Amino acid sequence: MTQIKGFLETSFVDWPGKIASVIFLPYCNFRCPYCHNHGIVLNPEKFETISIEYVLNRLNEFKGWIDGVCITGGEPTLHPSLPDFIRKFRAQNFLIKLDTNGTNPNVLRK
């Protein structure tokens, strides 16, 4: 099960030209010194887990206003359940933008 450790209902900067909601997933295989999400990378247990049901309910309230969902991290491709996670948003007709460091190309192919 993919844990959501952060949820931003609206962003005008995370997806150029689109209004997006942003979902933050924990863990990363890099330790970049400039990471702005180091808390969910190094200590995700210190952050509340937000249910996907809550996120989907909030997104449905924004239909027609939100263009899509940006999934970021940490590194989202570390989560084996990522393809199924994405399908839940696609089933609600949301566009998906995946922010990744690109180190898991096999996951990206899926």
PDB file of N, CA and C in Angstrom:
ATOM      1  N   MET A   1       0.838  -1.188   0.000  1.00  0.00           N
ATOM      2  CA  MET A   1       0.000   0.000   0.000  1.00  0.00           C
ATOM      3  C   MET A   1       0.883   1.252   0.000  1.00  0.00           C
ATOM      4  N   THR A   2       0.585   2.149  -0.873  1.00  0.00           N
ATOM      5  CA  THR A   2       1.338   3.395  -0.981  1.00  0.00           C
ATOM      6  C   THR A   2       0.856   4.375   0.083  1.00  0.00           C
ATOM      7  N   GLN A   3       1.788   4.875   0.867  1.00  0.00           N
ATOM      8  CA  GLN A   3       1.447   5.847   1.904  1.00  0.00           C
ATOM      9  C   GLN A   3       1.606   7.262   1.369  1.00  0.00           C
ATOM     10  N   ILE A   4       0.608   8.076   1.607  1.00  0.00           N
ATOM     11  CA  ILE A   4       0.665   9.492   1.239  1.00  0.00           C
ATOM     12  C   ILE A   4       1.098  10.253   2.483  1.00  0.00           C
ATOM     13  N   LYS A   5       2.173  11.003   2.366  1.00  0.00           N
ATOM     14  CA  LYS A   5       2.695  11.750   3.514  1.00  0.00           C
ATOM     15  C   LYS A   5       2.510  13.257   3.383  1.00  0.00           C
ATOM     16  N   GLY A   6       1.949  13.679   2.273  1.00  0.00           N
ATOM     17  CA  GLY A   6       1.646  15.089   2.086  1.00  0.00           C
ATOM     18  C   GLY A   6       0.684  15.273   0.939  1.00  0.00           C
ATOM     19  N   PHE A   7      -0.157  16.297   1.057  1.00  0.00           N
ATOM     20  CA  PHE A   7      -1.155  16.558   0.018  1.00  0.00           C
ATOM     21  C   PHE A   7      -1.370  18.059  -0.072  1.00  0.00           C
ATOM     22  N   LEU A   8      -1.111  18.593  -1.241  1.00  0.00           N
ATOM     23  CA  LEU A   8      -1.332  20.000  -1.529  1.00  0.00           C
ATOM     24  C   LEU A   8      -2.489  20.070  -2.511  1.00  0.00           C
ATOM     25  N   GLU A   9      -3.579  20.673  -2.094  1.00  0.00           N
ATOM     26  CA  GLU A   9      -4.797  20.647  -2.906  1.00  0.00           C
ATOM     27  C   GLU A   9      -4.657  21.382  -4.227  1.00  0.00           C
ATOM     28  N   THR A  10      -3.974  22.518  -4.217  1.00  0.00           N
ATOM     29  CA  THR A  10      -3.796  23.260  -5.468  1.00  0.00           C
ATOM     30  C   THR A  10      -2.392  23.836  -5.559  1.00  0.00           C
ATOM     31  N   SER A  11      -1.824  23.688  -6.733  1.00  0.00           N
ATOM     32  CA  SER A  11      -0.515  24.255  -7.022  1.00  0.00           C
ATOM     33  C   SER A  11      -0.549  24.838  -8.427  1.00  0.00           C
ATOM     34  N   PHE A  12       0.033  26.007  -8.556  1.00  0.00           N
ATOM     35  CA  PHE A  12       0.143  26.665  -9.851  1.00  0.00           C
ATOM     36  C   PHE A  12       1.560  26.551 -10.413  1.00  0.00           C
ATOM     37  N   VAL A  13       2.481  25.904  -9.667  1.00  0.00           N
ATOM     38  CA  VAL A  13       3.882  25.855 -10.080  1.00  0.00           C
ATOM     39  C   VAL A  13       4.424  24.448 -10.331  1.00  0.00           C
ATOM     40  N   ASP A  14       3.753  23.429  -9.863  1.00  0.00           N
ATOM     41  CA  ASP A  14       4.294  22.073  -9.980  1.00  0.00           C
ATOM     42  C   ASP A  14       4.093  21.438 -11.344  1.00  0.00           C
ATOM     43  N   TRP A  15       3.203  21.996 -12.148  1.00  0.00           N
ATOM     44  CA  TRP A  15       2.948  21.464 -13.485  1.00  0.00           C
ATOM     45  C   TRP A  15       2.726  22.661 -14.395  1.00  0.00           C
ATOM     46  N   PRO A  16       3.751  23.089 -15.108  1.00  0.00           N
ATOM     47  CA  PRO A  16       3.642  24.289 -15.931  1.00  0.00           C
ATOM     48  C   PRO A  16       2.420  24.268 -16.848  1.00  0.00           C
ATOM     49  N   GLY A  17       1.644  25.334 -16.765  1.00  0.00           N
ATOM     50  CA  GLY A  17       0.467  25.481 -17.597  1.00  0.00           C
ATOM     51  C   GLY A  17      -0.776  24.774 -17.079  1.00  0.00           C
ATOM     52  N   LYS A  18      -0.665  24.113 -15.934  1.00  0.00           N
ATOM     53  CA  LYS A  18      -1.802  23.382 -15.378  1.00  0.00           C
ATOM     54  C   LYS A  18      -1.975  23.726 -13.897  1.00  0.00           C
ATOM     55  N   ILE A  19      -3.201  23.567 -13.440  1.00  0.00           N
ATOM     56  CA  ILE A  19      -3.472  23.650 -12.004  1.00  0.00           C
ATOM     57  C   ILE A  19      -3.505  22.211 -11.512  1.00  0.00           C
ATOM     58  N   ALA A  20      -2.680  21.912 -10.533  1.00  0.00           N
ATOM     59  CA  ALA A  20      -2.528  20.530 -10.089  1.00  0.00           C
ATOM     60  C   ALA A  20      -2.676  20.404  -8.587  1.00  0.00           C
ATOM     61  N   SER A  21      -3.067  19.224  -8.181  1.00  0.00           N
ATOM     62  CA  SER A  21      -2.920  18.822  -6.791  1.00  0.00           C
ATOM     63  C   SER A  21      -1.608  18.061  -6.718  1.00  0.00           C
ATOM     64  N   VAL A  22      -0.955  18.099  -5.561  1.00  0.00           N
ATOM     65  CA  VAL A  22       0.344  17.447  -5.413  1.00  0.00           C
ATOM     66  C   VAL A  22       0.265  16.445  -4.272  1.00  0.00           C
ATOM     67  N   ILE A  23       0.722  15.235  -4.552  1.00  0.00           N
ATOM     68  CA  ILE A  23       0.755  14.165  -3.566  1.00  0.00           C
ATOM     69  C   ILE A  23       2.217  13.818  -3.316  1.00  0.00           C
ATOM     70  N   PHE A  24       2.587  13.777  -2.044  1.00  0.00           N
ATOM     71  CA  PHE A  24       3.964  13.500  -1.646  1.00  0.00           C
ATOM     72  C   PHE A  24       4.066  12.092  -1.061  1.00  0.00           C
ATOM     73  N   LEU A  25       4.941  11.283  -1.650  1.00  0.00           N
ATOM     74  CA  LEU A  25       5.183   9.931  -1.166  1.00  0.00           C
ATOM     75  C   LEU A  25       6.530   9.872  -0.453  1.00  0.00           C
ATOM     76  N   PRO A  26       6.670   9.014   0.553  1.00  0.00           N
ATOM     77  CA  PRO A  26       7.909   8.968   1.328  1.00  0.00           C
ATOM     78  C   PRO A  26       9.022   8.163   0.652  1.00  0.00           C
ATOM     79  N   TYR A  27      10.202   8.290   1.209  1.00  0.00           N
ATOM     80  CA  TYR A  27      11.412   7.542   0.862  1.00  0.00           C
ATOM     81  C   TYR A  27      12.050   8.022  -0.434  1.00  0.00           C
ATOM     82  N   CYS A  28      13.353   7.859  -0.481  1.00  0.00           N
ATOM     83  CA  CYS A  28      14.122   8.196  -1.676  1.00  0.00           C
ATOM     84  C   CYS A  28      15.422   7.408  -1.649  1.00  0.00           C
ATOM     85  N   ASN A  29      15.937   7.099  -2.815  1.00  0.00           N
ATOM     86  CA  ASN A  29      17.210   6.399  -2.927  1.00  0.00           C
ATOM     87  C   ASN A  29      18.381   7.366  -3.098  1.00  0.00           C
ATOM     88  N   PHE A  30      18.126   8.657  -3.069  1.00  0.00           N
ATOM     89  CA  PHE A  30      19.174   9.681  -3.085  1.00  0.00           C
ATOM     90  C   PHE A  30      19.162  10.424  -1.753  1.00  0.00           C
ATOM     91  N   ARG A  31      20.227  11.094  -1.479  1.00  0.00           N
ATOM     92  CA  ARG A  31      20.324  11.956  -0.295  1.00  0.00           C
ATOM     93  C   ARG A  31      20.867  13.317  -0.739  1.00  0.00           C
ATOM     94  N   CYS A  32      20.102  13.997  -1.562  1.00  0.00           N
ATOM     95  CA  CYS A  32      20.509  15.291  -2.092  1.00  0.00           C
ATOM     96  C   CYS A  32      20.538  16.317  -0.960  1.00  0.00           C
ATOM     97  N   PRO A  33      21.619  17.061  -0.812  1.00  0.00           N
ATOM     98  CA  PRO A  33      21.717  18.019   0.294  1.00  0.00           C
ATOM     99  C   PRO A  33      20.749  19.196   0.166  1.00  0.00           C
ATOM    100  N   TYR A  34      20.195  19.418  -1.002  1.00  0.00           N
ATOM    101  CA  TYR A  34      19.280  20.536  -1.225  1.00  0.00           C
ATOM    102  C   TYR A  34      17.810  20.109  -1.210  1.00  0.00           C
ATOM    103  N   CYS A  35      17.530  18.855  -0.887  1.00  0.00           N
ATOM    104  CA  CYS A  35      16.165  18.334  -0.939  1.00  0.00           C
ATOM    105  C   CYS A  35      15.237  19.134  -0.040  1.00  0.00           C
ATOM    106  N   HIS A  36      14.124  19.590  -0.598  1.00  0.00           N
ATOM    107  CA  HIS A  36      13.157  20.345   0.196  1.00  0.00           C
ATOM    108  C   HIS A  36      12.149  19.429   0.880  1.00  0.00           C
ATOM    109  N   ASN A  37      12.216  18.137   0.611  1.00  0.00           N
ATOM    110  CA  ASN A  37      11.311  17.173   1.247  1.00  0.00           C
ATOM    111  C   ASN A  37      12.075  16.171   2.113  1.00  0.00           C
ATOM    112  N   HIS A  38      13.183  16.594   2.670  1.00  0.00           N
ATOM    113  CA  HIS A  38      14.033  15.679   3.423  1.00  0.00           C
ATOM    114  C   HIS A  38      13.311  15.023   4.603  1.00  0.00           C
ATOM    115  N   GLY A  39      12.309  15.672   5.151  1.00  0.00           N
ATOM    116  CA  GLY A  39      11.575  15.097   6.272  1.00  0.00           C
ATOM    117  C   GLY A  39      10.887  13.801   5.905  1.00  0.00           C
ATOM    118  N   ILE A  40      10.196  13.772   4.751  1.00  0.00           N
ATOM    119  CA  ILE A  40       9.494  12.542   4.365  1.00  0.00           C
ATOM    120  C   ILE A  40      10.447  11.515   3.761  1.00  0.00           C
ATOM    121  N   VAL A  41      11.656  11.941   3.418  1.00  0.00           N
ATOM    122  CA  VAL A  41      12.663  11.012   2.915  1.00  0.00           C
ATOM    123  C   VAL A  41      13.337  10.301   4.083  1.00  0.00           C
ATOM    124  N   LEU A  42      13.759  11.067   5.077  1.00  0.00           N
ATOM    125  CA  LEU A  42      14.542  10.515   6.184  1.00  0.00           C
ATOM    126  C   LEU A  42      13.704  10.032   7.358  1.00  0.00           C
ATOM    127  N   ASN A  43      12.571  10.676   7.630  1.00  0.00           N
ATOM    128  CA  ASN A  43      11.744  10.340   8.797  1.00  0.00           C
ATOM    129  C   ASN A  43      10.258  10.338   8.463  1.00  0.00           C
ATOM    130  N   PRO A  44       9.838   9.514   7.513  1.00  0.00           N
ATOM    131  CA  PRO A  44       8.434   9.555   7.112  1.00  0.00           C
ATOM    132  C   PRO A  44       7.466   9.191   8.236  1.00  0.00           C
ATOM    133  N   GLU A  45       7.936   8.428   9.207  1.00  0.00           N
ATOM    134  CA  GLU A  45       7.065   8.035  10.311  1.00  0.00           C
ATOM    135  C   GLU A  45       6.636   9.219  11.167  1.00  0.00           C
ATOM    136  N   LYS A  46       7.319  10.331  11.052  1.00  0.00           N
ATOM    137  CA  LYS A  46       6.968  11.535  11.815  1.00  0.00           C
ATOM    138  C   LYS A  46       5.820  12.318  11.173  1.00  0.00           C
ATOM    139  N   PHE A  47       5.410  11.882   9.987  1.00  0.00           N
ATOM    140  CA  PHE A  47       4.346  12.572   9.265  1.00  0.00           C
ATOM    141  C   PHE A  47       3.103  11.699   9.226  1.00  0.00           C
ATOM    142  N   GLU A  48       1.968  12.338   9.372  1.00  0.00           N
ATOM    143  CA  GLU A  48       0.695  11.640   9.306  1.00  0.00           C
ATOM    144  C   GLU A  48       0.533  10.996   7.929  1.00  0.00           C
ATOM    145  N   THR A  49      -0.036   9.814   7.896  1.00  0.00           N
ATOM    146  CA  THR A  49      -0.383   9.179   6.636  1.00  0.00           C
ATOM    147  C   THR A  49      -1.793   9.629   6.273  1.00  0.00           C
ATOM    148  N   ILE A  50      -1.933  10.125   5.072  1.00  0.00           N
ATOM    149  CA  ILE A  50      -3.212  10.638   4.577  1.00  0.00           C
ATOM    150  C   ILE A  50      -3.844   9.546   3.717  1.00  0.00           C
ATOM    151  N   SER A  51      -5.088   9.233   3.959  1.00  0.00           N
ATOM    152  CA  SER A  51      -5.724   8.146   3.211  1.00  0.00           C
ATOM    153  C   SER A  51      -5.995   8.557   1.771  1.00  0.00           C
ATOM    154  N   ILE A  52      -5.876   7.588   0.888  1.00  0.00           N
ATOM    155  CA  ILE A  52      -6.173   7.853  -0.517  1.00  0.00           C
ATOM    156  C   ILE A  52      -7.644   8.207  -0.683  1.00  0.00           C
ATOM    157  N   GLU A  53      -8.508   7.654   0.159  1.00  0.00           N
ATOM    158  CA  GLU A  53      -9.931   7.982   0.092  1.00  0.00           C
ATOM    159  C   GLU A  53     -10.157   9.465   0.362  1.00  0.00           C
ATOM    160  N   TYR A  54      -9.450  10.000   1.349  1.00  0.00           N
ATOM    161  CA  TYR A  54      -9.564  11.433   1.645  1.00  0.00           C
ATOM    162  C   TYR A  54      -9.126  12.257   0.432  1.00  0.00           C
ATOM    163  N   VAL A  55      -7.973  11.890  -0.138  1.00  0.00           N
ATOM    164  CA  VAL A  55      -7.440  12.631  -1.286  1.00  0.00           C
ATOM    165  C   VAL A  55      -8.411  12.559  -2.466  1.00  0.00           C
ATOM    166  N   LEU A  56      -8.916  11.377  -2.773  1.00  0.00           N
ATOM    167  CA  LEU A  56      -9.846  11.233  -3.893  1.00  0.00           C
ATOM    168  C   LEU A  56     -11.130  12.028  -3.660  1.00  0.00           C
ATOM    169  N   ASN A  57     -11.626  12.021  -2.439  1.00  0.00           N
ATOM    170  CA  ASN A  57     -12.823  12.814  -2.130  1.00  0.00           C
ATOM    171  C   ASN A  57     -12.576  14.297  -2.332  1.00  0.00           C
ATOM    172  N   ARG A  58     -11.435  14.786  -1.863  1.00  0.00           N
ATOM    173  CA  ARG A  58     -11.098  16.206  -2.042  1.00  0.00           C
ATOM    174  C   ARG A  58     -10.925  16.528  -3.526  1.00  0.00           C
ATOM    175  N   LEU A  59     -10.264  15.649  -4.262  1.00  0.00           N
ATOM    176  CA  LEU A  59     -10.063  15.894  -5.691  1.00  0.00           C
ATOM    177  C   LEU A  59     -11.387  15.947  -6.436  1.00  0.00           C
ATOM    178  N   ASN A  60     -12.308  15.104  -6.069  1.00  0.00           N
ATOM    179  CA  ASN A  60     -13.612  15.113  -6.726  1.00  0.00           C
ATOM    180  C   ASN A  60     -14.348  16.422  -6.493  1.00  0.00           C
ATOM    181  N   GLU A  61     -14.088  17.065  -5.368  1.00  0.00           N
ATOM    182  CA  GLU A  61     -14.680  18.380  -5.108  1.00  0.00           C
ATOM    183  C   GLU A  61     -14.088  19.445  -6.024  1.00  0.00           C
ATOM    184  N   PHE A  62     -12.896  19.183  -6.560  1.00  0.00           N
ATOM    185  CA  PHE A  62     -12.211  20.145  -7.419  1.00  0.00           C
ATOM    186  C   PHE A  62     -12.323  19.818  -8.904  1.00  0.00           C
ATOM    187  N   LYS A  63     -13.119  18.824  -9.258  1.00  0.00           N
ATOM    188  CA  LYS A  63     -13.252  18.471 -10.683  1.00  0.00           C
ATOM    189  C   LYS A  63     -13.685  19.686 -11.485  1.00  0.00           C
ATOM    190  N   GLY A  64     -13.077  19.848 -12.634  1.00  0.00           N
ATOM    191  CA  GLY A  64     -13.347  21.008 -13.468  1.00  0.00           C
ATOM    192  C   GLY A  64     -12.451  22.194 -13.127  1.00  0.00           C
ATOM    193  N   TRP A  65     -11.759  22.108 -12.040  1.00  0.00           N
ATOM    194  CA  TRP A  65     -10.861  23.172 -11.585  1.00  0.00           C
ATOM    195  C   TRP A  65      -9.422  22.671 -11.599  1.00  0.00           C
ATOM    196  N   ILE A  66      -9.204  21.457 -11.111  1.00  0.00           N
ATOM    197  CA  ILE A  66      -7.876  20.842 -11.113  1.00  0.00           C
ATOM    198  C   ILE A  66      -7.682  20.127 -12.445  1.00  0.00           C
ATOM    199  N   ASP A  67      -6.544  20.368 -13.089  1.00  0.00           N
ATOM    200  CA  ASP A  67      -6.245  19.688 -14.348  1.00  0.00           C
ATOM    201  C   ASP A  67      -5.696  18.277 -14.125  1.00  0.00           C
ATOM    202  N   GLY A  68      -4.945  18.102 -13.061  1.00  0.00           N
ATOM    203  CA  GLY A  68      -4.332  16.797 -12.841  1.00  0.00           C
ATOM    204  C   GLY A  68      -3.683  16.696 -11.486  1.00  0.00           C
ATOM    205  N   VAL A  69      -2.999  15.563 -11.306  1.00  0.00           N
ATOM    206  CA  VAL A  69      -2.353  15.237 -10.043  1.00  0.00           C
ATOM    207  C   VAL A  69      -0.865  15.032 -10.297  1.00  0.00           C
ATOM    208  N   CYS A  70      -0.057  15.729  -9.538  1.00  0.00           N
ATOM    209  CA  CYS A  70       1.394  15.567  -9.591  1.00  0.00           C
ATOM    210  C   CYS A  70       1.789  14.658  -8.426  1.00  0.00           C
ATOM    211  N   ILE A  71       2.413  13.530  -8.745  1.00  0.00           N
ATOM    212  CA  ILE A  71       2.875  12.599  -7.714  1.00  0.00           C
ATOM    213  C   ILE A  71       4.373  12.764  -7.600  1.00  0.00           C
ATOM    214  N   THR A  72       4.818  13.091  -6.403  1.00  0.00           N
ATOM    215  CA  THR A  72       6.214  13.397  -6.169  1.00  0.00           C
ATOM    216  C   THR A  72       6.657  12.729  -4.873  1.00  0.00           C
ATOM    217  N   GLY A  73       7.795  13.094  -4.379  1.00  0.00           N
ATOM    218  CA  GLY A  73       8.294  12.451  -3.166  1.00  0.00           C
ATOM    219  C   GLY A  73       9.186  13.367  -2.385  1.00  0.00           C
ATOM    220  N   GLY A  74      10.062  12.649  -1.906  1.00  0.00           N
ATOM    221  CA  GLY A  74      10.775  11.398  -2.095  1.00  0.00           C
ATOM    222  C   GLY A  74      10.810  10.978  -3.557  1.00  0.00           C
ATOM    223  N   GLU A  75      10.945   9.671  -3.704  1.00  0.00           N
ATOM    224  CA  GLU A  75      11.001   9.058  -5.038  1.00  0.00           C
ATOM    225  C   GLU A  75       9.838   8.089  -5.191  1.00  0.00           C
ATOM    226  N   PRO A  76       8.806   8.475  -5.948  1.00  0.00           N
ATOM    227  CA  PRO A  76       7.604   7.647  -6.068  1.00  0.00           C
ATOM    228  C   PRO A  76       7.840   6.246  -6.632  1.00  0.00           C
ATOM    229  N   THR A  77       8.845   6.090  -7.505  1.00  0.00           N
ATOM    230  CA  THR A  77       9.020   4.787  -8.150  1.00  0.00           C
ATOM    231  C   THR A  77       9.580   3.720  -7.206  1.00  0.00           C
ATOM    232  N   LEU A  78       9.889   4.075  -5.979  1.00  0.00           N
ATOM    233  CA  LEU A  78      10.324   3.080  -4.995  1.00  0.00           C
ATOM    234  C   LEU A  78       9.155   2.264  -4.460  1.00  0.00           C
ATOM    235  N   HIS A  79       7.942   2.712  -4.720  1.00  0.00           N
ATOM    236  CA  HIS A  79       6.743   2.064  -4.196  1.00  0.00           C
ATOM    237  C   HIS A  79       6.235   1.031  -5.202  1.00  0.00           C
ATOM    238  N   PRO A  80       6.275  -0.257  -4.856  1.00  0.00           N
ATOM    239  CA  PRO A  80       5.827  -1.294  -5.793  1.00  0.00           C
ATOM    240  C   PRO A  80       4.375  -1.128  -6.231  1.00  0.00           C
ATOM    241  N   SER A  81       3.569  -0.516  -5.400  1.00  0.00           N
ATOM    242  CA  SER A  81       2.146  -0.358  -5.728  1.00  0.00           C
ATOM    243  C   SER A  81       1.863   0.911  -6.545  1.00  0.00           C
ATOM    244  N   LEU A  82       2.902   1.601  -7.015  1.00  0.00           N
ATOM    245  CA  LEU A  82       2.710   2.855  -7.747  1.00  0.00           C
ATOM    246  C   LEU A  82       1.785   2.710  -8.968  1.00  0.00           C
ATOM    247  N   PRO A  83       1.923   1.694  -9.815  1.00  0.00           N
ATOM    248  CA  PRO A  83       1.011   1.605 -10.965  1.00  0.00           C
ATOM    249  C   PRO A  83      -0.459   1.535 -10.551  1.00  0.00           C
ATOM    250  N   ASP A  84      -0.773   0.745  -9.539  1.00  0.00           N
ATOM    251  CA  ASP A  84      -2.162   0.664  -9.065  1.00  0.00           C
ATOM    252  C   ASP A  84      -2.601   1.971  -8.430  1.00  0.00           C
ATOM    253  N   PHE A  85      -1.686   2.621  -7.735  1.00  0.00           N
ATOM    254  CA  PHE A  85      -1.956   3.919  -7.113  1.00  0.00           C
ATOM    255  C   PHE A  85      -2.358   4.941  -8.184  1.00  0.00           C
ATOM    256  N   ILE A  86      -1.596   4.986  -9.262  1.00  0.00           N
ATOM    257  CA  ILE A  86      -1.876   5.913 -10.362  1.00  0.00           C
ATOM    258  C   ILE A  86      -3.216   5.590 -11.018  1.00  0.00           C
ATOM    259  N   ARG A  87      -3.508   4.312 -11.179  1.00  0.00           N
ATOM    260  CA  ARG A  87      -4.777   3.909 -11.809  1.00  0.00           C
ATOM    261  C   ARG A  87      -5.992   4.451 -11.061  1.00  0.00           C
ATOM    262  N   LYS A  88      -5.882   4.592  -9.751  1.00  0.00           N
ATOM    263  CA  LYS A  88      -7.006   5.117  -8.960  1.00  0.00           C
ATOM    264  C   LYS A  88      -7.330   6.555  -9.350  1.00  0.00           C
ATOM    265  N   PHE A  89      -6.314   7.322  -9.677  1.00  0.00           N
ATOM    266  CA  PHE A  89      -6.524   8.710 -10.093  1.00  0.00           C
ATOM    267  C   PHE A  89      -6.983   8.773 -11.546  1.00  0.00           C
ATOM    268  N   ARG A  90      -6.418   7.913 -12.368  1.00  0.00           N
ATOM    269  CA  ARG A  90      -6.840   7.865 -13.773  1.00  0.00           C
ATOM    270  C   ARG A  90      -8.304   7.451 -13.882  1.00  0.00           C
ATOM    271  N   ALA A  91      -8.737   6.572 -12.991  1.00  0.00           N
ATOM    272  CA  ALA A  91     -10.132   6.123 -13.001  1.00  0.00           C
ATOM    273  C   ALA A  91     -11.082   7.287 -12.731  1.00  0.00           C
ATOM    274  N   GLN A  92     -10.585   8.327 -12.092  1.00  0.00           N
ATOM    275  CA  GLN A  92     -11.375   9.526 -11.820  1.00  0.00           C
ATOM    276  C   GLN A  92     -11.139  10.587 -12.904  1.00  0.00           C
ATOM    277  N   ASN A  93     -10.445  10.188 -13.990  1.00  0.00           N
ATOM    278  CA  ASN A  93     -10.174  11.055 -15.144  1.00  0.00           C
ATOM    279  C   ASN A  93      -9.233  12.217 -14.855  1.00  0.00           C
ATOM    280  N   PHE A  94      -8.308  12.025 -13.920  1.00  0.00           N
ATOM    281  CA  PHE A  94      -7.292  13.046 -13.668  1.00  0.00           C
ATOM    282  C   PHE A  94      -6.046  12.727 -14.479  1.00  0.00           C
ATOM    283  N   LEU A  95      -5.446  13.763 -15.057  1.00  0.00           N
ATOM    284  CA  LEU A  95      -4.140  13.621 -15.688  1.00  0.00           C
ATOM    285  C   LEU A  95      -3.117  13.363 -14.588  1.00  0.00           C
ATOM    286  N   ILE A  96      -2.021  12.699 -14.941  1.00  0.00           N
ATOM    287  CA  ILE A  96      -0.989  12.370 -13.962  1.00  0.00           C
ATOM    288  C   ILE A  96       0.349  12.915 -14.427  1.00  0.00           C
ATOM    289  N   LYS A  97       1.041  13.573 -13.520  1.00  0.00           N
ATOM    290  CA  LYS A  97       2.433  13.973 -13.736  1.00  0.00           C
ATOM    291  C   LYS A  97       3.242  13.278 -12.654  1.00  0.00           C
ATOM    292  N   LEU A  98       4.280  12.568 -13.037  1.00  0.00           N
ATOM    293  CA  LEU A  98       5.119  11.844 -12.090  1.00  0.00           C
ATOM    294  C   LEU A  98       6.475  12.523 -12.011  1.00  0.00           C
ATOM    295  N   ASP A  99       6.806  13.034 -10.831  1.00  0.00           N
ATOM    296  CA  ASP A  99       8.134  13.617 -10.599  1.00  0.00           C
ATOM    297  C   ASP A  99       9.040  12.501 -10.086  1.00  0.00           C
ATOM    298  N   THR A 100      10.093  12.209 -10.831  1.00  0.00           N
ATOM    299  CA  THR A 100      10.981  11.103 -10.485  1.00  0.00           C
ATOM    300  C   THR A 100      12.422  11.475 -10.776  1.00  0.00           C
ATOM    301  N   ASN A 101      13.340  10.806 -10.087  1.00  0.00           N
ATOM    302  CA  ASN A 101      14.754  11.014 -10.398  1.00  0.00           C
ATOM    303  C   ASN A 101      15.214  10.087 -11.525  1.00  0.00           C
ATOM    304  N   GLY A 102      14.326   9.224 -12.008  1.00  0.00           N
ATOM    305  CA  GLY A 102      14.608   8.401 -13.178  1.00  0.00           C
ATOM    306  C   GLY A 102      15.441   7.171 -12.937  1.00  0.00           C
ATOM    307  N   THR A 103      15.672   6.802 -11.682  1.00  0.00           N
ATOM    308  CA  THR A 103      16.562   5.677 -11.390  1.00  0.00           C
ATOM    309  C   THR A 103      15.870   4.315 -11.478  1.00  0.00           C
ATOM    310  N   ASN A 104      14.582   4.294 -11.740  1.00  0.00           N
ATOM    311  CA  ASN A 104      13.838   3.028 -11.847  1.00  0.00           C
ATOM    312  C   ASN A 104      13.097   2.969 -13.186  1.00  0.00           C
ATOM    313  N   PRO A 105      13.828   2.871 -14.289  1.00  0.00           N
ATOM    314  CA  PRO A 105      13.193   2.911 -15.613  1.00  0.00           C
ATOM    315  C   PRO A 105      12.181   1.784 -15.841  1.00  0.00           C
ATOM    316  N   ASN A 106      12.373   0.632 -15.212  1.00  0.00           N
ATOM    317  CA  ASN A 106      11.400  -0.461 -15.390  1.00  0.00           C
ATOM    318  C   ASN A 106      10.047  -0.098 -14.815  1.00  0.00           C
ATOM    319  N   VAL A 107      10.029   0.625 -13.717  1.00  0.00           N
ATOM    320  CA  VAL A 107       8.763   1.080 -13.133  1.00  0.00           C
ATOM    321  C   VAL A 107       8.120   2.091 -14.074  1.00  0.00           C
ATOM    322  N   LEU A 108       8.898   2.967 -14.658  1.00  0.00           N
ATOM    323  CA  LEU A 108       8.366   3.966 -15.564  1.00  0.00           C
ATOM    324  C   LEU A 108       7.736   3.319 -16.803  1.00  0.00           C
ATOM    325  N   ARG A 109       8.289   2.222 -17.267  1.00  0.00           N
ATOM    326  CA  ARG A 109       7.722   1.527 -18.422  1.00  0.00           C
ATOM    327  C   ARG A 109       6.333   0.996 -18.127  1.00  0.00           C
ATOM    328  N   LYS A 110       6.104   0.600 -16.874  1.00  0.00           N
ATOM    329  CA  LYS A 110       4.785   0.068 -16.467  1.00  0.00           C
ATOM    330  C   LYS A 110       3.775   1.171 -16.482  1.00  0.00           C
TER     331      LYS A 110
END
